[in-house]
Every structure is written in structure tokens, then in C-alpha cells.
């Protein structure tokens, strides 16, 4: 039996607030594109916290709880921040799950293995 493939978007705050956190115009356009293409949209409610990353940590944990694989879009040479994409990738790998990552700066897809090694691939088959 073939499992249904669905794009589920999860954001840590309402879309209009989330867009204010994105500085790059290309990233805003990419967010809008995938938000519109999503089969299911989930907007998490941020909780009061002194940790500015808390909404992103909640988002990361939610995605890992709900998903079987992780499709990520990231700058793979970036810094690992709590609740950020690279942090989520590391958590997902520790759970033994498959991770696919599109590096938007290099414009290439990677399969990420348990050693957190990014191996470039020409085509993604899910």
C-alpha cells in the first residue's frame, strides 16, 4: 500500500507575525509559496517565555512528534540554534528518522545520515 503524501506546514506564530521575522524577500516568497501549497496548515500559539527561541523549539518538537520524515530547507553551513532547522535535523536524526534537506544557498538537495553528514543527491525519491 502506498502512503498518501501530504505537505504539512507548521509555523510557530500567525503567518503575518511569522513573515515579520523573515528579512530576505526570496525567503518570504518561498514561505508564501509553500504555505499556499500545503495540504494542512498548523499555526502554533506562542507561550510567554523569556527565551526568544521558545516558539521555534515548540514548532520543532511538534513537527518531530507528528512526522515520519523531515523535509527541511536550510543554509546547511549555518549556525545551529535551539529550535532552528539544523537543530530540528539533529533531533530527527537522533530519533532514527530520515532527513532530506534543500540548501537554498547552494540550490542542492541532501540526504542527511545519522552522523549528520550531508550527502548531495540529484533526485529525491520519497
PDB file of N, CA and C in Angstrom:
ATOM      1  N   UNK A   1       0.824  -1.172   0.000  1.00  0.00           N
ATOM      2  CA  UNK A   1       0.000   0.000   0.000  1.00  0.00           C
ATOM      3  C   UNK A   1       0.880   1.251   0.000  1.00  0.00           C
ATOM      4  N   UNK A   2       0.593   2.179  -0.857  1.00  0.00           N
ATOM      5  CA  UNK A   2       1.351   3.422  -0.948  1.00  0.00           C
ATOM      6  C   UNK A   2       0.743   4.440   0.000  1.00  0.00           C
ATOM      7  N   UNK A   3       1.590   5.016   0.843  1.00  0.00           N
ATOM      8  CA  UNK A   3       1.114   6.017   1.789  1.00  0.00           C
ATOM      9  C   UNK A   3       0.819   7.319   1.052  1.00  0.00           C
ATOM     10  N   UNK A   4      -0.168   8.010   1.562  1.00  0.00           N
ATOM     11  CA  UNK A   4      -0.517   9.307   0.992  1.00  0.00           C
ATOM     12  C   UNK A   4       0.578  10.311   1.331  1.00  0.00           C
ATOM     13  N   UNK A   5       0.970  11.107   0.346  1.00  0.00           N
ATOM     14  CA  UNK A   5       1.978  12.143   0.556  1.00  0.00           C
ATOM     15  C   UNK A   5       1.264  13.473   0.715  1.00  0.00           C
ATOM     16  N   UNK A   6       1.561  14.120   1.825  1.00  0.00           N
ATOM     17  CA  UNK A   6       0.925  15.402   2.104  1.00  0.00           C
ATOM     18  C   UNK A   6       1.982  16.384   2.587  1.00  0.00           C
ATOM     19  N   UNK A   7       1.799  17.630   2.195  1.00  0.00           N
ATOM     20  CA  UNK A   7       2.681  18.690   2.675  1.00  0.00           C
ATOM     21  C   UNK A   7       1.968  19.370   3.836  1.00  0.00           C
ATOM     22  N   UNK A   8       2.574  19.259   5.006  1.00  0.00           N
ATOM     23  CA  UNK A   8       2.003  19.850   6.204  1.00  0.00           C
ATOM     24  C   UNK A   8       2.927  20.979   6.652  1.00  0.00           C
ATOM     25  N   UNK A   9       2.372  22.177   6.720  1.00  0.00           N
ATOM     26  CA  UNK A   9       3.149  23.347   7.136  1.00  0.00           C
ATOM     27  C   UNK A   9       2.838  23.657   8.598  1.00  0.00           C
ATOM     28  N   UNK A  10       3.883  23.876   9.374  1.00  0.00           N
ATOM     29  CA  UNK A  10       3.735  24.213  10.784  1.00  0.00           C
ATOM     30  C   UNK A  10       4.557  25.463  11.045  1.00  0.00           C
ATOM     31  N   UNK A  11       3.889  26.482  11.569  1.00  0.00           N
ATOM     32  CA  UNK A  11       4.619  27.708  11.888  1.00  0.00           C
ATOM     33  C   UNK A  11       4.390  28.055  13.360  1.00  0.00           C
ATOM     34  N   UNK A  12       5.363  28.747  13.974  1.00  0.00           N
ATOM     35  CA  UNK A  12       5.318  28.974  15.418  1.00  0.00           C
ATOM     36  C   UNK A  12       4.465  30.156  15.868  1.00  0.00           C
ATOM     37  N   UNK A  13       3.845  30.849  14.934  1.00  0.00           N
ATOM     38  CA  UNK A  13       3.031  32.025  15.259  1.00  0.00           C
ATOM     39  C   UNK A  13       2.161  32.339  14.043  1.00  0.00           C
ATOM     40  N   UNK A  14       1.187  33.230  14.152  1.00  0.00           N
ATOM     41  CA  UNK A  14       0.347  33.558  12.994  1.00  0.00           C
ATOM     42  C   UNK A  14       1.189  33.999  11.786  1.00  0.00           C
ATOM     43  N   UNK A  15       0.737  33.687  10.555  1.00  0.00           N
ATOM     44  CA  UNK A  15       1.528  33.974   9.353  1.00  0.00           C
ATOM     45  C   UNK A  15       1.994  35.423   9.234  1.00  0.00           C
ATOM     46  N   UNK A  16       1.123  36.367   9.583  1.00  0.00           N
ATOM     47  CA  UNK A  16       1.516  37.775   9.456  1.00  0.00           C
ATOM     48  C   UNK A  16       2.645  38.133  10.421  1.00  0.00           C
ATOM     49  N   UNK A  17       2.678  37.518  11.603  1.00  0.00           N
ATOM     50  CA  UNK A  17       3.782  37.730  12.540  1.00  0.00           C
ATOM     51  C   UNK A  17       5.035  37.004  12.061  1.00  0.00           C
ATOM     52  N   UNK A  18       4.845  35.783  11.572  1.00  0.00           N
ATOM     53  CA  UNK A  18       5.976  34.996  11.105  1.00  0.00           C
ATOM     54  C   UNK A  18       6.699  35.690   9.956  1.00  0.00           C
ATOM     55  N   UNK A  19       5.949  36.264   9.036  1.00  0.00           N
ATOM     56  CA  UNK A  19       6.560  36.980   7.912  1.00  0.00           C
ATOM     57  C   UNK A  19       7.432  38.143   8.381  1.00  0.00           C
ATOM     58  N   UNK A  20       7.089  38.758   9.500  1.00  0.00           N
ATOM     59  CA  UNK A  20       7.895  39.854  10.045  1.00  0.00           C
ATOM     60  C   UNK A  20       9.263  39.376  10.539  1.00  0.00           C
ATOM     61  N   UNK A  21       9.395  38.076  10.812  1.00  0.00           N
ATOM     62  CA  UNK A  21      10.667  37.526  11.286  1.00  0.00           C
ATOM     63  C   UNK A  21      11.602  37.170  10.133  1.00  0.00           C
ATOM     64  N   UNK A  22      11.091  37.222   8.906  1.00  0.00           N
ATOM     65  CA  UNK A  22      11.879  36.856   7.726  1.00  0.00           C
ATOM     66  C   UNK A  22      12.342  38.136   7.035  1.00  0.00           C
ATOM     67  N   UNK A  23      13.649  38.314   6.935  1.00  0.00           N
ATOM     68  CA  UNK A  23      14.197  39.542   6.353  1.00  0.00           C
ATOM     69  C   UNK A  23      14.358  39.446   4.839  1.00  0.00           C
ATOM     70  N   UNK A  24      14.750  38.291   4.348  1.00  0.00           N
ATOM     71  CA  UNK A  24      15.061  38.116   2.933  1.00  0.00           C
ATOM     72  C   UNK A  24      13.781  37.999   2.104  1.00  0.00           C
ATOM     73  N   UNK A  25      13.668  38.784   1.053  1.00  0.00           N
ATOM     74  CA  UNK A  25      12.458  38.789   0.222  1.00  0.00           C
ATOM     75  C   UNK A  25      12.234  37.458  -0.480  1.00  0.00           C
ATOM     76  N   UNK A  26      13.327  36.772  -0.884  1.00  0.00           N
ATOM     77  CA  UNK A  26      13.191  35.456  -1.516  1.00  0.00           C
ATOM     78  C   UNK A  26      12.650  34.429  -0.521  1.00  0.00           C
ATOM     79  N   UNK A  27      13.095  34.518   0.722  1.00  0.00           N
ATOM     80  CA  UNK A  27      12.604  33.601   1.748  1.00  0.00           C
ATOM     81  C   UNK A  27      11.125  33.859   2.038  1.00  0.00           C
ATOM     82  N   UNK A  28      10.711  35.128   2.027  1.00  0.00           N
ATOM     83  CA  UNK A  28       9.294  35.446   2.222  1.00  0.00           C
ATOM     84  C   UNK A  28       8.459  34.858   1.089  1.00  0.00           C
ATOM     85  N   UNK A  29       8.955  34.982  -0.135  1.00  0.00           N
ATOM     86  CA  UNK A  29       8.234  34.425  -1.290  1.00  0.00           C
ATOM     87  C   UNK A  29       8.155  32.904  -1.184  1.00  0.00           C
ATOM     88  N   UNK A  30       9.251  32.268  -0.755  1.00  0.00           N
ATOM     89  CA  UNK A  30       9.275  30.807  -0.606  1.00  0.00           C
ATOM     90  C   UNK A  30       8.273  30.381   0.479  1.00  0.00           C
ATOM     91  N   UNK A  31       8.242  31.126   1.597  1.00  0.00           N
ATOM     92  CA  UNK A  31       7.271  30.817   2.646  1.00  0.00           C
ATOM     93  C   UNK A  31       5.851  30.900   2.096  1.00  0.00           C
ATOM     94  N   UNK A  32       5.546  31.987   1.408  1.00  0.00           N
ATOM     95  CA  UNK A  32       4.193  32.163   0.863  1.00  0.00           C
ATOM     96  C   UNK A  32       3.827  31.044  -0.104  1.00  0.00           C
ATOM     97  N   UNK A  33       4.763  30.635  -0.958  1.00  0.00           N
ATOM     98  CA  UNK A  33       4.522  29.573  -1.924  1.00  0.00           C
ATOM     99  C   UNK A  33       4.169  28.261  -1.219  1.00  0.00           C
ATOM    100  N   UNK A  34       5.015  27.842  -0.277  1.00  0.00           N
ATOM    101  CA  UNK A  34       4.780  26.567   0.398  1.00  0.00           C
ATOM    102  C   UNK A  34       3.585  26.633   1.338  1.00  0.00           C
ATOM    103  N   UNK A  35       3.337  27.781   1.920  1.00  0.00           N
ATOM    104  CA  UNK A  35       2.171  27.935   2.779  1.00  0.00           C
ATOM    105  C   UNK A  35       0.894  27.722   1.955  1.00  0.00           C
ATOM    106  N   UNK A  36       0.866  28.303   0.755  1.00  0.00           N
ATOM    107  CA  UNK A  36      -0.301  28.144  -0.113  1.00  0.00           C
ATOM    108  C   UNK A  36      -0.439  26.710  -0.634  1.00  0.00           C
ATOM    109  N   UNK A  37       0.677  26.025  -0.894  1.00  0.00           N
ATOM    110  CA  UNK A  37       0.642  24.661  -1.439  1.00  0.00           C
ATOM    111  C   UNK A  37       0.352  23.596  -0.387  1.00  0.00           C
ATOM    112  N   UNK A  38       0.428  23.972   0.872  1.00  0.00           N
ATOM    113  CA  UNK A  38       0.270  22.992   1.958  1.00  0.00           C
ATOM    114  C   UNK A  38      -1.120  22.387   1.975  1.00  0.00           C
ATOM    115  N   UNK A  39      -1.153  21.048   2.176  1.00  0.00           N
ATOM    116  CA  UNK A  39      -2.422  20.346   2.337  1.00  0.00           C
ATOM    117  C   UNK A  39      -3.039  20.637   3.701  1.00  0.00           C
ATOM    118  N   UNK A  40      -2.179  20.879   4.649  1.00  0.00           N
ATOM    119  CA  UNK A  40      -2.629  21.136   6.017  1.00  0.00           C
ATOM    120  C   UNK A  40      -1.749  22.224   6.608  1.00  0.00           C
ATOM    121  N   UNK A  41      -2.378  23.176   7.279  1.00  0.00           N
ATOM    122  CA  UNK A  41      -1.638  24.281   7.886  1.00  0.00           C
ATOM    123  C   UNK A  41      -1.890  24.282   9.398  1.00  0.00           C
ATOM    124  N   UNK A  42      -0.812  24.351  10.162  1.00  0.00           N
ATOM    125  CA  UNK A  42      -0.935  24.415  11.615  1.00  0.00           C
ATOM    126  C   UNK A  42      -0.195  25.649  12.106  1.00  0.00           C
ATOM    127  N   UNK A  43      -0.910  26.474  12.841  1.00  0.00           N
ATOM    128  CA  UNK A  43      -0.318  27.669  13.454  1.00  0.00           C
ATOM    129  C   UNK A  43      -0.294  27.429  14.953  1.00  0.00           C
ATOM    130  N   UNK A  44       0.896  27.349  15.510  1.00  0.00           N
ATOM    131  CA  UNK A  44       1.038  27.123  16.938  1.00  0.00           C
ATOM    132  C   UNK A  44       0.898  28.448  17.678  1.00  0.00           C
ATOM    133  N   UNK A  45       0.425  28.374  18.906  1.00  0.00           N
ATOM    134  CA  UNK A  45       0.258  29.574  19.720  1.00  0.00           C
ATOM    135  C   UNK A  45       1.483  29.730  20.606  1.00  0.00           C
ATOM    136  N   UNK A  46       2.217  30.814  20.414  1.00  0.00           N
ATOM    137  CA  UNK A  46       3.409  31.002  21.250  1.00  0.00           C
ATOM    138  C   UNK A  46       3.014  31.239  22.711  1.00  0.00           C
ATOM    139  N   UNK A  47       3.852  30.731  23.605  1.00  0.00           N
ATOM    140  CA  UNK A  47       3.626  30.939  25.032  1.00  0.00           C
ATOM    141  C   UNK A  47       4.588  31.996  25.535  1.00  0.00           C
ATOM    142  N   UNK A  48       4.205  32.638  26.600  1.00  0.00           N
ATOM    143  CA  UNK A  48       5.079  33.654  27.191  1.00  0.00           C
ATOM    144  C   UNK A  48       6.352  32.987  27.697  1.00  0.00           C
ATOM    145  N   UNK A  49       7.475  33.523  27.301  1.00  0.00           N
ATOM    146  CA  UNK A  49       8.753  32.954  27.709  1.00  0.00           C
ATOM    147  C   UNK A  49       9.831  34.011  27.582  1.00  0.00           C
ATOM    148  N   UNK A  50      10.850  33.903  28.414  1.00  0.00           N
ATOM    149  CA  UNK A  50      11.982  34.819  28.297  1.00  0.00           C
ATOM    150  C   UNK A  50      12.936  34.346  27.196  1.00  0.00           C
ATOM    151  N   UNK A  51      12.752  33.110  26.740  1.00  0.00           N
ATOM    152  CA  UNK A  51      13.591  32.551  25.681  1.00  0.00           C
ATOM    153  C   UNK A  51      12.970  32.910  24.328  1.00  0.00           C
ATOM    154  N   UNK A  52      13.645  33.750  23.554  1.00  0.00           N
ATOM    155  CA  UNK A  52      13.099  34.186  22.258  1.00  0.00           C
ATOM    156  C   UNK A  52      12.986  33.038  21.261  1.00  0.00           C
ATOM    157  N   UNK A  53      13.703  31.934  21.494  1.00  0.00           N
ATOM    158  CA  UNK A  53      13.629  30.772  20.600  1.00  0.00           C
ATOM    159  C   UNK A  53      12.494  29.822  20.975  1.00  0.00           C
ATOM    160  N   UNK A  54      11.804  30.075  22.082  1.00  0.00           N
ATOM    161  CA  UNK A  54      10.787  29.139  22.572  1.00  0.00           C
ATOM    162  C   UNK A  54       9.736  28.780  21.520  1.00  0.00           C
ATOM    163  N   UNK A  55       9.179  29.744  20.752  1.00  0.00           N
ATOM    164  CA  UNK A  55       8.192  29.354  19.735  1.00  0.00           C
ATOM    165  C   UNK A  55       8.759  28.368  18.714  1.00  0.00           C
ATOM    166  N   UNK A  56      10.039  28.520  18.392  1.00  0.00           N
ATOM    167  CA  UNK A  56      10.672  27.650  17.398  1.00  0.00           C
ATOM    168  C   UNK A  56      10.976  26.266  17.979  1.00  0.00           C
ATOM    169  N   UNK A  57      11.297  26.214  19.266  1.00  0.00           N
ATOM    170  CA  UNK A  57      11.518  24.930  19.930  1.00  0.00           C
ATOM    171  C   UNK A  57      10.205  24.142  19.963  1.00  0.00           C
ATOM    172  N   UNK A  58       9.108  24.822  20.278  1.00  0.00           N
ATOM    173  CA  UNK A  58       7.783  24.186  20.292  1.00  0.00           C
ATOM    174  C   UNK A  58       7.434  23.688  18.891  1.00  0.00           C
ATOM    175  N   UNK A  59       7.723  24.509  17.875  1.00  0.00           N
ATOM    176  CA  UNK A  59       7.458  24.125  16.483  1.00  0.00           C
ATOM    177  C   UNK A  59       8.272  22.889  16.106  1.00  0.00           C
ATOM    178  N   UNK A  60       9.530  22.878  16.450  1.00  0.00           N
ATOM    179  CA  UNK A  60      10.417  21.755  16.148  1.00  0.00           C
ATOM    180  C   UNK A  60       9.895  20.468  16.790  1.00  0.00           C
ATOM    181  N   UNK A  61       9.569  20.537  18.071  1.00  0.00           N
ATOM    182  CA  UNK A  61       9.073  19.359  18.783  1.00  0.00           C
ATOM    183  C   UNK A  61       7.759  18.865  18.188  1.00  0.00           C
ATOM    184  N   UNK A  62       6.882  19.788  17.811  1.00  0.00           N
ATOM    185  CA  UNK A  62       5.596  19.421  17.215  1.00  0.00           C
ATOM    186  C   UNK A  62       5.811  18.660  15.905  1.00  0.00           C
ATOM    187  N   UNK A  63       6.691  19.183  15.053  1.00  0.00           N
ATOM    188  CA  UNK A  63       6.943  18.527  13.759  1.00  0.00           C
ATOM    189  C   UNK A  63       7.524  17.135  13.952  1.00  0.00           C
ATOM    190  N   UNK A  64       8.432  16.997  14.896  1.00  0.00           N
ATOM    191  CA  UNK A  64       9.056  15.696  15.129  1.00  0.00           C
ATOM    192  C   UNK A  64       8.067  14.699  15.714  1.00  0.00           C
ATOM    193  N   UNK A  65       7.120  15.183  16.497  1.00  0.00           N
ATOM    194  CA  UNK A  65       6.097  14.319  17.068  1.00  0.00           C
ATOM    195  C   UNK A  65       5.128  13.824  15.987  1.00  0.00           C
ATOM    196  N   UNK A  66       4.829  14.659  15.004  1.00  0.00           N
ATOM    197  CA  UNK A  66       3.803  14.344  14.012  1.00  0.00           C
ATOM    198  C   UNK A  66       4.333  13.663  12.753  1.00  0.00           C
ATOM    199  N   UNK A  67       5.590  13.892  12.402  1.00  0.00           N
ATOM    200  CA  UNK A  67       6.084  13.433  11.112  1.00  0.00           C
ATOM    201  C   UNK A  67       6.867  12.136  11.138  1.00  0.00           C
ATOM    202  N   UNK A  68       6.947  11.498   9.977  1.00  0.00           N
ATOM    203  CA  UNK A  68       7.741  10.280   9.822  1.00  0.00           C
ATOM    204  C   UNK A  68       9.106  10.572   9.220  1.00  0.00           C
ATOM    205  N   UNK A  69       9.146  11.572   8.340  1.00  0.00           N
ATOM    206  CA  UNK A  69      10.402  12.021   7.738  1.00  0.00           C
ATOM    207  C   UNK A  69      10.420  13.537   7.833  1.00  0.00           C
ATOM    208  N   UNK A  70      11.585  14.107   7.631  1.00  0.00           N
ATOM    209  CA  UNK A  70      11.707  15.564   7.675  1.00  0.00           C
ATOM    210  C   UNK A  70      12.226  16.064   6.345  1.00  0.00           C
ATOM    211  N   UNK A  71      11.467  16.963   5.734  1.00  0.00           N
ATOM    212  CA  UNK A  71      11.922  17.701   4.558  1.00  0.00           C
ATOM    213  C   UNK A  71      12.255  19.098   5.044  1.00  0.00           C
ATOM    214  N   UNK A  72      13.502  19.466   4.970  1.00  0.00           N
ATOM    215  CA  UNK A  72      13.928  20.750   5.514  1.00  0.00           C
ATOM    216  C   UNK A  72      14.499  21.637   4.414  1.00  0.00           C
ATOM    217  N   UNK A  73      14.391  22.930   4.630  1.00  0.00           N
ATOM    218  CA  UNK A  73      15.008  23.928   3.755  1.00  0.00           C
ATOM    219  C   UNK A  73      15.902  24.759   4.662  1.00  0.00           C
ATOM    220  N   UNK A  74      17.204  24.768   4.371  1.00  0.00           N
ATOM    221  CA  UNK A  74      18.135  25.439   5.279  1.00  0.00           C
ATOM    222  C   UNK A  74      19.422  25.828   4.573  1.00  0.00           C
ATOM    223  N   UNK A  75      20.147  26.737   5.208  1.00  0.00           N
ATOM    224  CA  UNK A  75      21.532  27.010   4.853  1.00  0.00           C
ATOM    225  C   UNK A  75      22.326  25.999   5.667  1.00  0.00           C
ATOM    226  N   UNK A  76      22.818  24.950   5.018  1.00  0.00           N
ATOM    227  CA  UNK A  76      23.455  23.852   5.752  1.00  0.00           C
ATOM    228  C   UNK A  76      24.790  24.241   6.391  1.00  0.00           C
ATOM    229  N   UNK A  77      25.322  25.400   6.032  1.00  0.00           N
ATOM    230  CA  UNK A  77      26.562  25.852   6.660  1.00  0.00           C
ATOM    231  C   UNK A  77      26.263  26.820   7.803  1.00  0.00           C
ATOM    232  N   UNK A  78      24.994  27.005   8.115  1.00  0.00           N
ATOM    233  CA  UNK A  78      24.598  27.956   9.152  1.00  0.00           C
ATOM    234  C   UNK A  78      24.853  27.453  10.560  1.00  0.00           C
ATOM    235  N   UNK A  79      24.529  28.313  11.496  1.00  0.00           N
ATOM    236  CA  UNK A  79      24.711  28.041  12.920  1.00  0.00           C
ATOM    237  C   UNK A  79      23.523  27.234  13.455  1.00  0.00           C
ATOM    238  N   UNK A  80      23.806  26.289  14.345  1.00  0.00           N
ATOM    239  CA  UNK A  80      22.751  25.509  14.985  1.00  0.00           C
ATOM    240  C   UNK A  80      22.206  26.325  16.155  1.00  0.00           C
ATOM    241  N   UNK A  81      20.906  26.675  16.080  1.00  0.00           N
ATOM    242  CA  UNK A  81      20.247  27.442  17.140  1.00  0.00           C
ATOM    243  C   UNK A  81      19.096  26.603  17.690  1.00  0.00           C
ATOM    244  N   UNK A  82      18.838  26.723  18.986  1.00  0.00           N
ATOM    245  CA  UNK A  82      17.745  25.977  19.620  1.00  0.00           C
ATOM    246  C   UNK A  82      16.440  26.234  18.883  1.00  0.00           C
ATOM    247  N   UNK A  83      15.811  25.153  18.432  1.00  0.00           N
ATOM    248  CA  UNK A  83      14.549  25.266  17.718  1.00  0.00           C
ATOM    249  C   UNK A  83      14.689  25.587  16.246  1.00  0.00           C
ATOM    250  N   UNK A  84      15.904  25.829  15.792  1.00  0.00           N
ATOM    251  CA  UNK A  84      16.141  26.152  14.385  1.00  0.00           C
ATOM    252  C   UNK A  84      16.132  24.901  13.510  1.00  0.00           C
ATOM    253  N   UNK A  85      16.237  25.113  12.214  1.00  0.00           N
ATOM    254  CA  UNK A  85      16.163  23.996  11.265  1.00  0.00           C
ATOM    255  C   UNK A  85      17.277  22.980  11.489  1.00  0.00           C
ATOM    256  N   UNK A  86      18.507  23.445  11.666  1.00  0.00           N
ATOM    257  CA  UNK A  86      19.612  22.496  11.846  1.00  0.00           C
ATOM    258  C   UNK A  86      19.483  21.745  13.177  1.00  0.00           C
ATOM    259  N   UNK A  87      18.965  22.398  14.205  1.00  0.00           N
ATOM    260  CA  UNK A  87      18.693  21.739  15.484  1.00  0.00           C
ATOM    261  C   UNK A  87      17.618  20.670  15.296  1.00  0.00           C
ATOM    262  N   UNK A  88      16.579  20.992  14.530  1.00  0.00           N
ATOM    263  CA  UNK A  88      15.494  20.038  14.262  1.00  0.00           C
ATOM    264  C   UNK A  88      16.029  18.834  13.494  1.00  0.00           C
ATOM    265  N   UNK A  89      16.920  19.080  12.523  1.00  0.00           N
ATOM    266  CA  UNK A  89      17.539  17.985  11.766  1.00  0.00           C
ATOM    267  C   UNK A  89      18.290  17.059  12.722  1.00  0.00           C
ATOM    268  N   UNK A  90      19.076  17.636  13.620  1.00  0.00           N
ATOM    269  CA  UNK A  90      19.842  16.816  14.566  1.00  0.00           C
ATOM    270  C   UNK A  90      18.920  15.982  15.460  1.00  0.00           C
ATOM    271  N   UNK A  91      17.838  16.586  15.957  1.00  0.00           N
ATOM    272  CA  UNK A  91      16.886  15.853  16.797  1.00  0.00           C
ATOM    273  C   UNK A  91      16.244  14.711  16.011  1.00  0.00           C
ATOM    274  N   UNK A  92      15.874  14.990  14.770  1.00  0.00           N
ATOM    275  CA  UNK A  92      15.228  13.992  13.917  1.00  0.00           C
ATOM    276  C   UNK A  92      16.160  12.793  13.693  1.00  0.00           C
ATOM    277  N   UNK A  93      17.416  13.068  13.452  1.00  0.00           N
ATOM    278  CA  UNK A  93      18.395  12.001  13.237  1.00  0.00           C
ATOM    279  C   UNK A  93      18.584  11.167  14.502  1.00  0.00           C
ATOM    280  N   UNK A  94      18.578  11.822  15.665  1.00  0.00           N
ATOM    281  CA  UNK A  94      18.703  11.080  16.929  1.00  0.00           C
ATOM    282  C   UNK A  94      17.505  10.154  17.142  1.00  0.00           C
ATOM    283  N   UNK A  95      16.374  10.490  16.528  1.00  0.00           N
ATOM    284  CA  UNK A  95      15.166   9.658  16.626  1.00  0.00           C
ATOM    285  C   UNK A  95      15.189   8.525  15.601  1.00  0.00           C
ATOM    286  N   UNK A  96      16.235   8.492  14.756  1.00  0.00           N
ATOM    287  CA  UNK A  96      16.361   7.435  13.762  1.00  0.00           C
ATOM    288  C   UNK A  96      15.516   7.647  12.522  1.00  0.00           C
ATOM    289  N   UNK A  97      15.135   8.871  12.258  1.00  0.00           N
ATOM    290  CA  UNK A  97      14.281   9.161  11.112  1.00  0.00           C
ATOM    291  C   UNK A  97      15.097   9.685   9.932  1.00  0.00           C
ATOM    292  N   UNK A  98      14.493   9.596   8.749  1.00  0.00           N
ATOM    293  CA  UNK A  98      15.138  10.053   7.519  1.00  0.00           C
ATOM    294  C   UNK A  98      14.972  11.568   7.380  1.00  0.00           C
ATOM    295  N   UNK A  99      16.028  12.217   6.923  1.00  0.00           N
ATOM    296  CA  UNK A  99      16.014  13.661   6.712  1.00  0.00           C
ATOM    297  C   UNK A  99      16.474  13.976   5.296  1.00  0.00           C
ATOM    298  N   UNK A 100      15.695  14.813   4.616  1.00  0.00           N
ATOM    299  CA  UNK A 100      16.062  15.361   3.315  1.00  0.00           C
ATOM    300  C   UNK A 100      16.134  16.865   3.497  1.00  0.00           C
ATOM    301  N   UNK A 101      17.176  17.476   2.976  1.00  0.00           N
ATOM    302  CA  UNK A 101      17.353  18.903   3.178  1.00  0.00           C
ATOM    303  C   UNK A 101      17.714  19.594   1.868  1.00  0.00           C
ATOM    304  N   UNK A 102      17.005  20.671   1.562  1.00  0.00           N
ATOM    305  CA  UNK A 102      17.338  21.502   0.406  1.00  0.00           C
ATOM    306  C   UNK A 102      18.108  22.700   0.916  1.00  0.00           C
ATOM    307  N   UNK A 103      19.359  22.841   0.454  1.00  0.00           N
ATOM    308  CA  UNK A 103      20.163  24.006   0.806  1.00  0.00           C
ATOM    309  C   UNK A 103      19.829  25.105  -0.195  1.00  0.00           C
ATOM    310  N   UNK A 104      19.127  26.132   0.263  1.00  0.00           N
ATOM    311  CA  UNK A 104      18.647  27.181  -0.637  1.00  0.00           C
ATOM    312  C   UNK A 104      19.756  28.095  -1.139  1.00  0.00           C
ATOM    313  N   UNK A 105      20.914  28.101  -0.486  1.00  0.00           N
ATOM    314  CA  UNK A 105      22.031  28.902  -0.993  1.00  0.00           C
ATOM    315  C   UNK A 105      22.803  28.147  -2.075  1.00  0.00           C
ATOM    316  N   UNK A 106      23.012  26.860  -1.853  1.00  0.00           N
ATOM    317  CA  UNK A 106      23.741  26.033  -2.816  1.00  0.00           C
ATOM    318  C   UNK A 106      22.831  25.493  -3.915  1.00  0.00           C
ATOM    319  N   UNK A 107      21.506  25.562  -3.684  1.00  0.00           N
ATOM    320  CA  UNK A 107      20.491  25.074  -4.630  1.00  0.00           C
ATOM    321  C   UNK A 107      20.655  23.580  -4.911  1.00  0.00           C
ATOM    322  N   UNK A 108      20.892  22.802  -3.849  1.00  0.00           N
ATOM    323  CA  UNK A 108      21.034  21.348  -3.987  1.00  0.00           C
ATOM    324  C   UNK A 108      20.296  20.636  -2.858  1.00  0.00           C
ATOM    325  N   UNK A 109      19.884  19.390  -3.140  1.00  0.00           N
ATOM    326  CA  UNK A 109      19.262  18.514  -2.159  1.00  0.00           C
ATOM    327  C   UNK A 109      20.316  17.643  -1.506  1.00  0.00           C
ATOM    328  N   UNK A 110      20.104  17.359  -0.232  1.00  0.00           N
ATOM    329  CA  UNK A 110      20.967  16.457   0.515  1.00  0.00           C
ATOM    330  C   UNK A 110      20.114  15.426   1.236  1.00  0.00           C
ATOM    331  N   UNK A 111      20.654  14.233   1.372  1.00  0.00           N
ATOM    332  CA  UNK A 111      20.130  13.256   2.323  1.00  0.00           C
ATOM    333  C   UNK A 111      21.091  13.341   3.502  1.00  0.00           C
ATOM    334  N   UNK A 112      20.538  13.438   4.701  1.00  0.00           N
ATOM    335  CA  UNK A 112      21.367  13.586   5.893  1.00  0.00           C
ATOM    336  C   UNK A 112      21.355  12.273   6.648  1.00  0.00           C
ATOM    337  N   UNK A 113      22.542  11.774   7.009  1.00  0.00           N
ATOM    338  CA  UNK A 113      22.590  10.496   7.724  1.00  0.00           C
ATOM    339  C   UNK A 113      22.795  10.714   9.217  1.00  0.00           C
ATOM    340  N   UNK A 114      22.821   9.606   9.960  1.00  0.00           N
ATOM    341  CA  UNK A 114      22.878   9.672  11.416  1.00  0.00           C
ATOM    342  C   UNK A 114      24.147  10.322  11.958  1.00  0.00           C
ATOM    343  N   UNK A 115      25.180  10.433  11.145  1.00  0.00           N
ATOM    344  CA  UNK A 115      26.389  11.125  11.587  1.00  0.00           C
ATOM    345  C   UNK A 115      26.300  12.612  11.254  1.00  0.00           C
ATOM    346  N   UNK A 116      25.118  13.042  10.794  1.00  0.00           N
ATOM    347  CA  UNK A 116      24.855  14.426  10.408  1.00  0.00           C
ATOM    348  C   UNK A 116      25.686  14.822   9.185  1.00  0.00           C
ATOM    349  N   UNK A 117      26.020  13.812   8.357  1.00  0.00           N
ATOM    350  CA  UNK A 117      26.751  14.058   7.120  1.00  0.00           C
ATOM    351  C   UNK A 117      25.735  14.363   6.011  1.00  0.00           C
ATOM    352  N   UNK A 118      25.968  15.461   5.317  1.00  0.00           N
ATOM    353  CA  UNK A 118      25.088  15.859   4.231  1.00  0.00           C
ATOM    354  C   UNK A 118      25.646  15.309   2.923  1.00  0.00           C
ATOM    355  N   UNK A 119      24.912  14.384   2.292  1.00  0.00           N
ATOM    356  CA  UNK A 119      25.330  13.786   1.030  1.00  0.00           C
ATOM    357  C   UNK A 119      24.449  14.329  -0.082  1.00  0.00           C
ATOM    358  N   UNK A 120      25.078  14.995  -1.051  1.00  0.00           N
ATOM    359  CA  UNK A 120      24.310  15.587  -2.146  1.00  0.00           C
ATOM    360  C   UNK A 120      23.689  14.507  -3.010  1.00  0.00           C
ATOM    361  N   UNK A 121      22.454  14.734  -3.430  1.00  0.00           N
ATOM    362  CA  UNK A 121      21.751  13.822  -4.320  1.00  0.00           C
ATOM    363  C   UNK A 121      21.157  14.611  -5.482  1.00  0.00           C
ATOM    364  N   UNK A 122      21.012  13.939  -6.614  1.00  0.00           N
ATOM    365  CA  UNK A 122      20.450  14.583  -7.805  1.00  0.00           C
ATOM    366  C   UNK A 122      18.931  14.593  -7.774  1.00  0.00           C
ATOM    367  N   UNK A 123      18.361  13.578  -7.156  1.00  0.00           N
ATOM    368  CA  UNK A 123      16.919  13.409  -7.177  1.00  0.00           C
ATOM    369  C   UNK A 123      16.464  12.854  -5.846  1.00  0.00           C
ATOM    370  N   UNK A 124      15.335  13.331  -5.378  1.00  0.00           N
ATOM    371  CA  UNK A 124      14.775  12.830  -4.130  1.00  0.00           C
ATOM    372  C   UNK A 124      13.605  11.912  -4.467  1.00  0.00           C
ATOM    373  N   UNK A 125      13.662  10.690  -3.948  1.00  0.00           N
ATOM    374  CA  UNK A 125      12.555   9.740  -4.113  1.00  0.00           C
ATOM    375  C   UNK A 125      12.025   9.397  -2.738  1.00  0.00           C
ATOM    376  N   UNK A 126      10.792   9.771  -2.497  1.00  0.00           N
ATOM    377  CA  UNK A 126      10.194   9.541  -1.187  1.00  0.00           C
ATOM    378  C   UNK A 126       9.071   8.532  -1.333  1.00  0.00           C
TER     379      UNK A 126
END
